[in-house]
Structures are given as structure tokens and as C-alpha cells.
C-alpha atoms as a PDB file:
ATOM      1  CA  MET A   1      -3.782 -15.535   8.509  1.00  0.00           C
ATOM      2  CA  VAL A   2      -3.249 -17.098   5.211  1.00  0.00           C
ATOM      3  CA  ASN A   3      -5.091 -20.232   4.084  1.00  0.00           C
ATOM      4  CA  VAL A   4      -2.676 -22.324   2.178  1.00  0.00           C
ATOM      5  CA  ASN A   5      -5.437 -23.982   0.222  1.00  0.00           C
ATOM      6  CA  GLY A   6      -6.715 -20.732  -1.202  1.00  0.00           C
ATOM      7  CA  THR A   7      -5.696 -18.746  -4.211  1.00  0.00           C
ATOM      8  CA  TYR A   8      -4.682 -15.030  -3.743  1.00  0.00           C
ATOM      9  CA  LEU A   9      -4.375 -12.052  -6.020  1.00  0.00           C
ATOM     10  CA  VAL A  10      -1.533  -9.716  -5.154  1.00  0.00           C
ATOM     11  CA  THR A  11      -1.369  -6.274  -6.458  1.00  0.00           C
ATOM     12  CA  ALA A  12       1.118  -3.355  -5.924  1.00  0.00           C
ATOM     13  CA  GLY A  13       2.345  -0.339  -7.576  1.00  0.00           C
ATOM     14  CA  PHE A  14       4.577   2.576  -7.484  1.00  0.00           C
ATOM     15  CA  PRO A  15       4.113   5.440  -6.597  1.00  0.00           C
ATOM     16  CA  THR A  16       2.224   4.162  -3.502  1.00  0.00           C
ATOM     17  CA  GLY A  17      -1.265   5.657  -3.015  1.00  0.00           C
ATOM     18  CA  ALA A  18      -1.404   7.042  -6.474  1.00  0.00           C
ATOM     19  CA  GLU A  19      -4.613   5.995  -8.338  1.00  0.00           C
ATOM     20  CA  GLY A  20      -3.966   4.004 -11.558  1.00  0.00           C
ATOM     21  CA  SER A  21      -0.396   3.091 -10.517  1.00  0.00           C
ATOM     22  CA  THR A  22      -0.852  -0.701 -10.117  1.00  0.00           C
ATOM     23  CA  ASN A  23       1.995  -2.237 -12.249  1.00  0.00           C
ATOM     24  CA  PHE A  24       2.373  -5.564 -10.503  1.00  0.00           C
ATOM     25  CA  ILE A  25      -0.358  -8.275 -10.329  1.00  0.00           C
ATOM     26  CA  ARG A  26       0.504 -11.708  -9.402  1.00  0.00           C
ATOM     27  CA  ILE A  27      -1.904 -14.895  -8.683  1.00  0.00           C
ATOM     28  CA  LEU A  28      -0.525 -17.032  -5.965  1.00  0.00           C
ATOM     29  CA  LYS A  29      -1.654 -20.682  -5.982  1.00  0.00           C
ATOM     30  CA  LYS A  30      -1.483 -23.389  -3.318  1.00  0.00           C
ATOM     31  CA  GLU A  31       2.116 -24.492  -4.133  1.00  0.00           C
ATOM     32  CA  GLN A  32       3.448 -20.992  -4.171  1.00  0.00           C
ATOM     33  CA  ILE A  33       1.595 -19.898  -0.917  1.00  0.00           C
ATOM     34  CA  GLU A  34       3.085 -23.114   0.723  1.00  0.00           C
ATOM     35  CA  TYR A  35       6.662 -22.155  -0.348  1.00  0.00           C
ATOM     36  CA  TYR A  36       6.300 -18.685   1.044  1.00  0.00           C
ATOM     37  CA  VAL A  37       4.695 -19.604   4.290  1.00  0.00           C
ATOM     38  CA  ASP A  38       7.414 -22.304   4.921  1.00  0.00           C
ATOM     39  CA  PHE A  39      10.018 -19.673   3.920  1.00  0.00           C
ATOM     40  CA  ALA A  40       8.688 -17.154   6.669  1.00  0.00           C
ATOM     41  CA  ILE A  41       8.748 -19.620   9.479  1.00  0.00           C
END
């Protein structure tokens, strides 16, 4: 469950599972989380 009042750090990378491959980092704040939660419903 996502707490819409929280702040989240999202990381991803390619190739998946390869150490040191993180090439995407994003901080999601309250306003952005509310947007994505509303979008998913």
C-alpha cells in the first residue's frame, strides 16, 4: 500500500539484475504520488 503523504525513492536499471546497472532514480513527493494513485484507479 502506498502512503500518499510519504516521499518515495524509485530506482530502476537495465539490464535487470546486473549489479551497478541503476540508471534511473526518481524522488516522488506527495503531489506526484497523488497523481499516480488517482491515475491507477
